[in-house]
Protein backbone atom coordinates (compact mmCIF):
# COMPACT_ATOMS: atom_id res chain seq x y z
CA MET A 1 88.75 -58.31 -55.23
CA SER A 2 87.68 -57.66 -51.66
CA LYS A 3 89.84 -55.96 -48.88
CA SER A 4 90.71 -58.15 -45.81
CA PRO A 5 88.58 -57.70 -42.79
CA ASN A 6 91.60 -57.11 -40.49
CA LEU A 7 91.70 -53.68 -41.82
CA LEU A 8 88.35 -52.94 -40.11
CA LEU A 9 89.16 -54.05 -36.74
CA PRO A 10 91.14 -50.90 -35.71
CA ALA A 11 88.27 -48.68 -36.72
CA LEU A 12 85.76 -50.71 -34.94
CA GLY A 13 87.72 -50.69 -31.75
CA GLY A 14 88.16 -46.98 -31.78
CA THR A 15 84.38 -46.25 -32.26
CA ALA A 16 83.60 -48.59 -29.29
CA LEU A 17 86.11 -46.67 -27.12
CA VAL A 18 84.52 -43.36 -28.07
CA LEU A 19 81.05 -44.71 -27.31
CA GLY A 20 82.30 -46.17 -24.10
CA VAL A 21 83.80 -42.91 -23.04
CA ALA A 22 80.53 -40.97 -23.93
CA PHE A 23 78.33 -43.42 -22.08
CA GLY A 24 80.52 -43.01 -19.04
CA VAL A 25 80.46 -39.24 -19.12
CA MET A 26 76.69 -39.22 -19.49
CA ASN A 27 76.31 -41.57 -16.54
CA ARG A 28 78.44 -39.23 -14.55
CA ASP A 29 76.32 -36.26 -15.34
CA TYR A 30 73.20 -38.08 -14.50
CA ALA A 31 74.55 -39.17 -11.23
CA ALA A 32 75.44 -35.64 -10.35
CA ASP A 33 71.96 -34.25 -11.17
CA LYS A 34 70.54 -37.04 -9.16
CA ILE A 35 72.56 -36.11 -6.11
CA ASP A 36 71.52 -32.50 -6.45
CA THR A 37 67.91 -33.44 -6.55
CA LEU A 38 68.23 -35.43 -3.50
CA GLU A 39 70.09 -32.81 -1.74
CA THR A 40 67.32 -30.28 -2.47
CA ARG A 41 64.54 -32.61 -1.26
CA VAL A 42 66.42 -33.36 2.08
CA ASP A 43 66.72 -29.47 2.60
CA GLN A 44 62.86 -29.14 1.87
CA VAL A 45 61.96 -31.97 4.28
CA SER A 46 64.31 -30.47 6.93
CA ALA A 47 62.63 -27.05 6.55
CA GLN A 48 59.16 -28.41 6.80
CA ALA A 49 60.02 -30.48 9.77
CA SER A 50 61.50 -27.51 11.47
CA ALA A 51 58.28 -25.42 10.83
CA ALA A 52 56.14 -28.18 12.08
CA SER A 53 58.05 -28.44 15.03
CA ASP A 54 57.74 -24.60 15.74
CA LYS A 55 53.95 -24.68 14.97
CA ALA A 56 53.59 -27.60 17.51
CA LYS A 57 55.45 -25.67 20.07
CA ALA A 58 53.39 -22.61 19.58
CA GLU A 59 50.05 -24.54 19.86
CA ALA A 60 51.27 -26.36 22.81
CA THR A 61 51.99 -22.93 24.38
CA ARG A 62 48.61 -21.53 23.41
CA ALA A 63 46.87 -24.58 24.81
CA ALA A 64 48.65 -24.12 28.09
CA GLU A 65 47.59 -20.48 28.14
CA LEU A 66 43.84 -21.33 27.52
CA GLU A 67 43.88 -24.06 30.03
CA ALA A 68 45.22 -21.46 32.54
CA LYS A 69 42.38 -19.02 31.47
CA VAL A 70 39.61 -21.60 31.72
CA ALA A 71 41.02 -22.64 35.31
CA GLU A 72 40.92 -18.77 36.26
CA ILE A 73 37.35 -18.34 35.14
CA GLN A 74 36.24 -21.53 36.81
CA ALA A 75 37.83 -20.29 40.08
CA ASN A 76 36.19 -16.79 39.84
CA THR A 77 32.91 -18.32 39.03
CA GLN A 78 33.16 -20.54 42.13
CA ALA A 79 33.97 -17.57 44.18
CA GLN A 80 31.03 -15.44 42.97
CA LEU A 81 28.62 -18.28 43.61
CA LEU A 82 30.02 -18.55 47.09
CA THR A 83 29.18 -14.79 47.68
CA ALA A 84 25.73 -15.15 46.05
CA SER A 85 26.47 -13.02 42.95
CA ALA A 86 26.90 -14.49 39.47
CA THR A 87 27.73 -11.15 37.70
CA GLN A 88 30.20 -8.32 37.87
CA PRO A 89 28.85 -5.22 39.56
CA ALA A 90 27.38 -2.71 37.09
CA PRO A 91 29.93 -0.01 36.20
CA GLN A 92 29.23 3.45 37.49
CA MET A 93 28.21 5.71 34.63
CA ASP A 94 28.50 9.41 34.32
CA GLY A 95 24.74 9.81 33.40
CA ARG A 96 25.18 9.43 29.59
CA TYR A 97 26.06 5.82 29.59
CA GLY A 98 29.37 6.67 28.00
CA LEU A 99 27.84 7.48 24.68
CA GLY A 100 27.73 10.46 22.40
CA ARG A 101 28.81 14.07 23.03
CA ALA A 102 27.33 17.42 23.78
CA ALA A 103 25.54 18.83 20.67
CA LEU A 104 27.09 21.81 19.09
CA ALA A 105 25.15 25.02 18.80
CA GLU A 106 25.03 24.74 15.09
CA GLU A 107 23.60 21.30 15.29
CA ILE A 108 20.85 22.37 17.77
CA ALA A 109 19.99 25.31 15.43
CA ALA A 110 19.77 22.99 12.50
CA TRP A 111 17.03 20.77 14.18
CA ASP A 112 15.24 23.58 16.16
CA VAL A 113 12.74 24.37 13.54
CA ASP A 114 9.54 24.42 15.54
CA ILE A 115 7.22 27.56 15.05
CA LEU A 116 5.19 28.15 18.23
CA PRO A 117 1.76 29.67 18.34
CA ASP A 118 3.23 32.82 19.79
CA GLY A 119 5.58 33.27 16.91
CA ARG A 120 8.83 31.98 18.27
CA GLY A 121 10.97 30.38 15.77
CA LEU A 122 9.74 32.49 12.87
CA PRO A 123 12.67 33.48 10.65
CA GLU A 124 13.22 37.01 9.27
CA GLY A 125 11.19 37.98 6.17
CA SER A 126 7.90 39.33 5.07
CA GLY A 127 5.21 38.87 2.37
CA ASP A 128 2.18 40.86 1.19
CA VAL A 129 -1.18 39.58 -0.05
CA TRP A 130 -0.71 40.28 -3.69
CA THR A 131 2.88 38.97 -3.99
CA GLY A 132 1.43 35.97 -2.18
CA GLU A 133 -1.32 35.52 -4.94
CA GLU A 134 1.42 35.36 -7.47
CA VAL A 135 3.46 32.81 -5.55
CA TYR A 136 0.26 30.91 -4.66
CA VAL A 137 -0.93 30.64 -8.23
CA GLU A 138 2.47 29.35 -9.43
CA ASN A 139 2.98 26.83 -6.61
CA CYS A 140 -0.45 25.84 -4.99
CA ALA A 141 -3.29 26.64 -7.39
CA SER A 142 -3.03 23.43 -9.39
CA CYS A 143 -4.26 21.56 -6.30
CA HIS A 144 -5.99 24.04 -4.09
CA GLY A 145 -7.57 26.25 -6.76
CA ASP A 146 -6.95 29.88 -7.76
CA PHE A 147 -9.25 31.02 -4.80
CA ALA A 148 -8.09 28.35 -2.30
CA GLU A 149 -11.44 26.51 -3.00
CA GLY A 150 -9.76 23.22 -3.66
CA VAL A 151 -9.53 21.36 -6.95
CA ASP A 152 -11.29 17.92 -7.23
CA ASN A 153 -10.46 16.02 -4.00
CA TRP A 154 -7.51 18.31 -2.91
CA PRO A 155 -8.04 20.11 0.48
CA VAL A 156 -10.12 23.33 0.55
CA LEU A 157 -8.25 26.16 2.20
CA ALA A 158 -10.72 29.00 2.37
CA GLY A 159 -14.39 29.19 3.50
CA GLY A 160 -16.45 26.87 5.65
CA PHE A 161 -16.94 29.13 8.57
CA ASP A 162 -20.50 28.03 9.32
CA THR A 163 -20.08 24.37 8.73
CA LEU A 164 -18.06 23.17 11.87
CA GLY A 165 -21.55 22.09 13.45
CA ASP A 166 -22.37 20.12 10.31
CA LYS A 167 -22.19 16.40 9.91
CA ASP A 168 -19.62 17.02 7.16
CA PRO A 169 -17.85 20.15 8.14
CA VAL A 170 -15.45 22.09 5.79
CA LYS A 171 -12.42 22.28 7.85
CA THR A 172 -10.18 25.13 6.27
CA VAL A 173 -7.43 27.41 7.38
CA GLY A 174 -10.03 29.99 8.05
CA SER A 175 -12.75 27.89 9.64
CA TYR A 176 -10.85 25.23 11.73
CA TRP A 177 -7.21 25.96 12.25
CA PRO A 178 -6.67 27.65 15.67
CA TYR A 179 -3.05 28.70 15.14
CA LEU A 180 -1.35 30.55 12.28
CA SER A 181 1.94 29.08 13.26
CA THR A 182 0.69 25.75 12.05
CA VAL A 183 -0.18 27.15 8.68
CA TRP A 184 3.25 28.81 8.19
CA ASP A 185 5.20 25.82 9.41
CA TYR A 186 3.21 23.32 7.30
CA VAL A 187 3.63 25.37 4.09
CA HIS A 188 7.28 26.15 4.67
CA ARG A 189 8.30 22.51 5.39
CA SER A 190 5.78 20.32 3.43
CA MET A 191 4.67 22.51 0.41
CA PRO A 192 4.46 22.63 -2.48
CA PHE A 193 3.50 18.98 -3.14
CA GLY A 194 6.46 17.19 -4.75
CA ALA A 195 8.85 20.09 -4.14
CA ALA A 196 8.82 20.42 -0.29
CA GLY A 197 11.38 22.85 1.22
CA THR A 198 11.85 24.89 -1.85
CA LEU A 199 9.90 27.98 -0.61
CA THR A 200 11.93 30.82 0.94
CA PRO A 201 10.69 32.52 4.10
CA ASP A 202 9.55 35.42 2.09
CA ASP A 203 7.46 33.15 -0.20
CA THR A 204 5.94 31.51 2.74
CA TYR A 205 4.96 34.67 4.38
CA ALA A 206 3.46 35.82 1.15
CA ILE A 207 1.53 32.54 0.57
CA VAL A 208 0.21 32.52 4.15
CA ALA A 209 -0.95 36.21 3.73
CA TYR A 210 -2.90 35.24 0.62
CA ILE A 211 -4.58 32.28 2.26
CA LEU A 212 -5.63 34.65 5.13
CA TYR A 213 -6.94 37.14 2.60
CA SER A 214 -8.92 34.37 0.90
CA ASN A 215 -10.48 33.55 4.18
CA ASP A 216 -11.34 37.35 4.67
CA LEU A 217 -9.23 37.37 7.80
CA VAL A 218 -7.06 40.29 6.62
CA ASP A 219 -7.30 43.15 4.18
CA ASP A 220 -5.60 43.22 0.75
CA ASP A 221 -2.83 45.60 1.98
CA PHE A 222 -1.85 43.32 4.72
CA VAL A 223 1.87 42.31 5.00
CA LEU A 224 2.63 39.43 7.11
CA SER A 225 5.98 39.18 9.14
CA ARG A 226 7.14 38.33 12.57
CA ASP A 227 5.98 41.62 13.87
CA THR A 228 2.48 41.28 12.38
CA PHE A 229 2.20 37.54 13.04
CA LEU A 230 -0.06 37.82 16.23
CA ASP A 231 -2.06 40.59 14.93
CA VAL A 232 -4.27 38.04 12.84
CA PRO A 233 -7.32 36.86 14.57
CA MET A 234 -7.84 33.26 13.81
CA HIS A 235 -11.65 32.31 13.68
CA ASN A 236 -11.36 29.04 15.65
CA ALA A 237 -8.71 30.08 18.07
CA ASP A 238 -11.12 29.35 21.02
CA GLY A 239 -12.56 26.19 19.36
CA PHE A 240 -10.29 23.68 21.07
CA ILE A 241 -10.16 22.72 24.67
CA VAL A 242 -7.78 20.71 26.84
CA ASP A 243 -8.58 17.09 27.09
CA ASP A 244 -9.76 16.92 30.72
CA ARG A 245 -11.66 13.69 30.50
CA ALA A 246 -9.39 12.02 32.99
CA GLU A 247 -10.45 14.37 35.68
CA GLN A 248 -14.09 15.18 34.64
CA GLU A 249 -15.42 11.90 33.14
CA TYR A 250 -13.31 8.97 34.10
CA ALA A 251 -14.05 9.33 37.86
CA LYS A 252 -17.90 9.12 37.19
CA TRP A 253 -17.73 5.44 35.76
CA ARG A 254 -14.48 4.17 37.07
CA THR A 255 -16.03 3.09 40.50
CA GLU A 256 -16.41 -0.26 42.14
CA PRO A 257 -19.59 -1.96 40.95
CA CYS A 258 -22.31 -2.73 43.56
CA MET A 259 -22.61 -6.47 43.93
CA GLU A 260 -25.32 -6.88 46.68
CA ASN A 261 -28.10 -4.81 48.42
CA CYS A 262 -27.90 -2.32 45.70
CA LYS A 263 -31.64 -1.29 45.82
CA GLU A 264 -34.01 -0.99 48.72
CA GLU A 265 -36.99 -2.56 46.85
CA VAL A 266 -36.95 -5.20 43.96
CA ALA A 267 -40.02 -5.38 41.75
CA VAL A 268 -40.78 -7.74 38.90
CA THR A 269 -41.04 -5.78 35.71
CA MET A 270 -41.23 -8.58 33.17
CA ARG A 271 -41.81 -12.25 33.22
CA SER A 272 -39.88 -14.67 30.94
CA VAL A 273 -41.81 -16.88 28.54
CA PHE A 274 -38.81 -19.35 28.26
CA PHE A 275 -36.90 -21.13 30.93
CA VAL A 276 -33.17 -21.27 30.05
CA GLU A 277 -31.24 -23.75 31.87
CA THR A 278 -27.71 -23.20 32.83
CA PRO A 279 -25.87 -24.06 29.63
CA PRO A 280 -23.52 -27.14 29.73
CA GLU A 281 -19.91 -26.91 29.05
CA GLY A 282 -19.49 -25.89 25.51
CA GLY A 283 -22.88 -24.74 24.55
CA SER A 284 -26.40 -23.74 25.49
CA ASN A 285 -29.59 -25.80 26.14
CA SER A 286 -32.68 -23.40 25.90
CA VAL A 287 -35.97 -25.21 26.13
CA MET A 288 -39.58 -24.60 26.55
CA ASN A 289 -40.77 -24.59 30.15
CA HIS A 290 -43.41 -27.41 29.97
CA ALA A 291 -44.26 -27.07 33.63
CA ARG A 292 -46.61 -24.06 32.63
CA THR A 293 -49.87 -24.46 30.81
CA VAL A 294 -50.78 -22.43 27.77
CA ASP A 295 -53.57 -20.80 29.46
CA ASP A 296 -51.33 -18.90 32.08
CA LEU A 297 -48.90 -17.83 29.44
CA PRO A 298 -48.90 -14.24 28.47
CA THR A 299 -50.25 -13.60 25.04
CA PHE A 300 -48.72 -11.38 22.32
CA SER A 301 -50.49 -9.58 19.63
CA ALA A 302 -50.06 -6.43 17.69
CA ALA A 303 -51.17 -4.48 20.66
CA GLY A 304 -48.44 -5.92 22.83
CA PRO A 305 -48.11 -8.50 25.77
CA SER A 306 -51.30 -9.15 27.71
CA PHE A 307 -49.75 -8.11 31.03
CA ILE A 308 -48.61 -4.57 29.77
CA ALA A 309 -51.24 -1.87 29.46
CA GLU A 310 -52.12 -1.02 25.91
CA ALA A 311 -50.77 2.23 24.82
CA THR A 312 -53.00 5.00 23.51
CA PRO A 313 -52.03 5.18 19.77
CA LYS A 314 -50.91 8.48 18.49
CA PRO A 315 -52.99 10.00 15.95
CA ALA A 316 -51.41 9.58 12.58
CA THR A 317 -50.45 12.73 10.86
CA PRO A 318 -51.00 12.64 7.13
CA ALA A 319 -48.10 12.92 4.94
CA PRO A 320 -47.60 16.10 3.21
CA THR A 321 -48.52 16.05 -0.48
CA VAL A 322 -45.39 16.46 -2.53
CA THR A 323 -45.89 18.03 -5.87
CA LYS A 324 -43.16 17.61 -8.42
CA ALA A 325 -42.29 21.08 -9.88
CA ALA A 326 -42.13 21.18 -13.49
CA VAL A 327 -38.60 21.34 -14.96
CA ASN A 328 -38.14 23.82 -17.87
CA ASP A 329 -35.33 25.26 -19.59
CA GLY A 330 -34.93 28.08 -17.13
CA ASP A 331 -34.71 25.87 -14.01
CA ALA A 332 -32.04 23.66 -15.80
CA LEU A 333 -30.10 26.78 -16.65
CA LEU A 334 -30.22 28.01 -12.96
CA THR A 335 -29.26 24.62 -11.80
CA GLN A 336 -26.24 24.67 -14.17
CA GLY A 337 -25.38 28.25 -13.03
CA LYS A 338 -25.42 27.16 -9.39
CA LYS A 339 -22.70 24.47 -10.14
CA VAL A 340 -20.60 26.90 -12.03
CA PHE A 341 -20.92 29.39 -9.12
CA ARG A 342 -19.06 26.90 -6.94
CA LYS A 343 -15.91 28.20 -8.62
CA CYS A 344 -16.80 31.73 -7.19
CA SER A 345 -18.16 30.67 -3.85
CA ALA A 346 -14.86 30.85 -2.02
CA CYS A 347 -14.62 34.68 -2.50
CA HIS A 348 -18.23 35.60 -3.43
CA ALA A 349 -21.67 34.96 -1.74
CA VAL A 350 -25.37 35.28 -2.87
CA GLY A 351 -28.59 34.65 -1.29
CA ASP A 352 -30.11 35.71 2.13
CA GLY A 353 -27.51 37.02 4.51
CA ALA A 354 -24.72 37.08 1.87
CA LYS A 355 -21.78 38.97 3.16
CA HIS A 356 -18.41 40.18 1.68
CA LYS A 357 -15.62 37.74 1.61
CA SER A 358 -12.42 38.39 -0.25
CA GLY A 359 -14.76 39.50 -2.92
CA PRO A 360 -18.01 41.48 -2.71
CA GLN A 361 -21.39 39.77 -2.22
CA LEU A 362 -23.18 39.63 -5.55
CA ASN A 363 -26.87 39.99 -4.67
CA GLY A 364 -28.39 42.53 -7.19
CA VAL A 365 -24.97 42.76 -9.16
CA MET A 366 -26.90 42.77 -12.52
CA GLY A 367 -27.58 46.52 -13.18
CA ARG A 368 -25.51 47.71 -10.18
CA ALA A 369 -22.71 50.17 -10.63
CA MET A 370 -19.23 48.71 -10.91
CA GLY A 371 -17.42 48.97 -7.54
CA SER A 372 -20.27 50.12 -5.61
CA ALA A 373 -21.07 47.47 -3.06
CA ASP A 374 -21.27 48.99 0.43
CA GLY A 375 -18.59 48.16 2.90
CA PHE A 376 -16.26 46.44 0.41
CA LYS A 377 -12.80 47.89 -0.46
CA TYR A 378 -12.18 47.65 -4.25
CA SER A 379 -9.00 47.82 -6.20
CA ASP A 380 -8.26 50.84 -8.18
CA VAL A 381 -9.50 49.60 -11.58
CA PHE A 382 -13.04 49.15 -10.17
CA GLN A 383 -12.93 52.42 -8.43
CA GLU A 384 -12.09 54.01 -11.83
CA ALA A 385 -14.91 52.20 -13.48
CA ASN A 386 -17.32 53.38 -10.71
CA ALA A 387 -16.18 57.02 -11.46
CA GLU A 388 -16.84 56.59 -15.08
CA GLY A 389 -20.53 55.45 -14.36
CA ARG A 390 -20.10 51.85 -15.70
CA THR A 391 -22.79 49.40 -14.64
CA TRP A 392 -23.07 45.54 -14.76
CA THR A 393 -24.86 44.27 -17.84
CA PRO A 394 -25.21 40.60 -18.90
CA GLU A 395 -22.78 41.31 -21.77
CA ASP A 396 -20.11 43.18 -19.39
CA LEU A 397 -20.40 40.27 -16.82
CA ALA A 398 -19.94 37.58 -19.20
CA ALA A 399 -16.97 39.35 -20.91
CA PHE A 400 -15.40 39.84 -17.42
CA LEU A 401 -15.90 36.33 -16.37
CA ALA A 402 -14.43 35.01 -19.67
CA LYS A 403 -11.05 36.87 -19.10
CA PRO A 404 -10.98 38.95 -15.85
CA LYS A 405 -7.45 40.24 -16.29
CA ALA A 406 -8.00 41.21 -20.05
CA TYR A 407 -11.35 42.90 -19.53
CA MET A 408 -10.51 44.85 -16.41
CA LYS A 409 -6.70 45.35 -16.66
CA GLY A 410 -5.37 45.82 -13.32
CA THR A 411 -7.89 43.68 -11.37
CA LYS A 412 -6.42 41.79 -8.57
CA MET A 413 -8.76 38.81 -8.94
CA ALA A 414 -6.70 35.77 -9.67
CA PHE A 415 -9.49 33.72 -11.44
CA ALA A 416 -8.41 32.66 -14.84
CA GLY A 417 -11.96 32.79 -16.30
CA LEU A 418 -14.63 30.47 -17.64
CA LYS A 419 -13.82 28.81 -20.93
CA LYS A 420 -17.22 27.37 -22.01
CA GLU A 421 -19.95 29.47 -23.55
CA GLU A 422 -22.66 27.61 -21.67
CA ASP A 423 -21.05 28.17 -18.38
CA LEU A 424 -21.06 31.94 -18.99
CA THR A 425 -24.64 31.90 -19.87
CA ALA A 426 -25.69 29.77 -16.93
CA ILE A 427 -23.71 31.87 -14.23
CA THR A 428 -25.20 35.06 -15.80
CA ALA A 429 -28.74 33.68 -15.47
CA TYR A 430 -27.85 32.43 -11.92
CA LEU A 431 -26.64 35.95 -10.71
CA GLU A 432 -29.69 37.60 -12.27
CA SER A 433 -31.97 35.51 -10.31
CA PHE A 434 -30.67 37.32 -7.03
CA ALA A 435 -32.17 40.72 -6.27
CA GLU A 436 -30.58 43.13 -4.00
């Protein structure tokens, strides 16, 4: 049996009431949030409007200032134009244009590195020849050779004294450079190659002393310093002159050219075969002069033009007969020995007029007593060999040239030695060919 529907009416009514109340509350909260949002937006719009108003006022003020500045500039320009001056007068400077400051003494000293020919600017220090040999071999010999003779195409530093008049002179420190200051300054600032500026003043003095010794300009006991710098006589000290062409030469050819009545008499020295018309614009128009006949034209032959007296021929001189010398093994050996001797020529000389250099001349060296060349100052080890009565034999010479420092312990010759047996044989034969 079902219940009466009247019993459900109160429950439904209560539920509807609750839902209505909840809906009303929800609508009230939504309205409150809506109001808050709108109020916030109003505040933001008001702030933006205020900022825009302030910016507009500032820009208006700036525009007014710029307009006033433009008006002022225009007025000044008009005034300057009326006074015939479109620029402001140049400011009065104190002589330095308002730039920089006076250099400190320390700054001047750092840049004042010139070494003058009279020795001014040289630092304290000294170096002797044999210390210089050691420093030179370590820092310079790889390019310039143990004896300053130059390796491959690297510069030669010694010799060449009699070549300055040649077509291809050998310009070395000894033969060409007029001032020792140039040598010292260049070595100290620019050498060794790849490590410039690493040499101390003492090293530089020593290297320069050794280069001078290699050029036979100083003795082996020489010590180079500021005190002895000017004692070195440079071979080419008087080889340079002041350029006086402006006074001596220019005046001879810088004169007004003569344009009329330049000679008292004028004579015809040659007649033209061709008549050359004045060339038209842009080209030439050389044509034969048809007004002349063939008969009155000068003739040309192997003897010359018909109107020039024939010159008396110079009697021909028969060419000398050249006989080709036979080349044998001995000639080839001497030729090879001459090439090998190039390694020695910076310090030694052979042949007619040979003189001592940094090493003795070697004419007649084979069979000669060791350390006996007249006028040459030998090191102690060669003086001892001379006292012992030792002489140069082909075997002794070859052994010495192979390892100089090992064969003659104490020798001051820096040459490392010849490594090839054929070079030793060749140079021994070459030196044997020169008699005393």
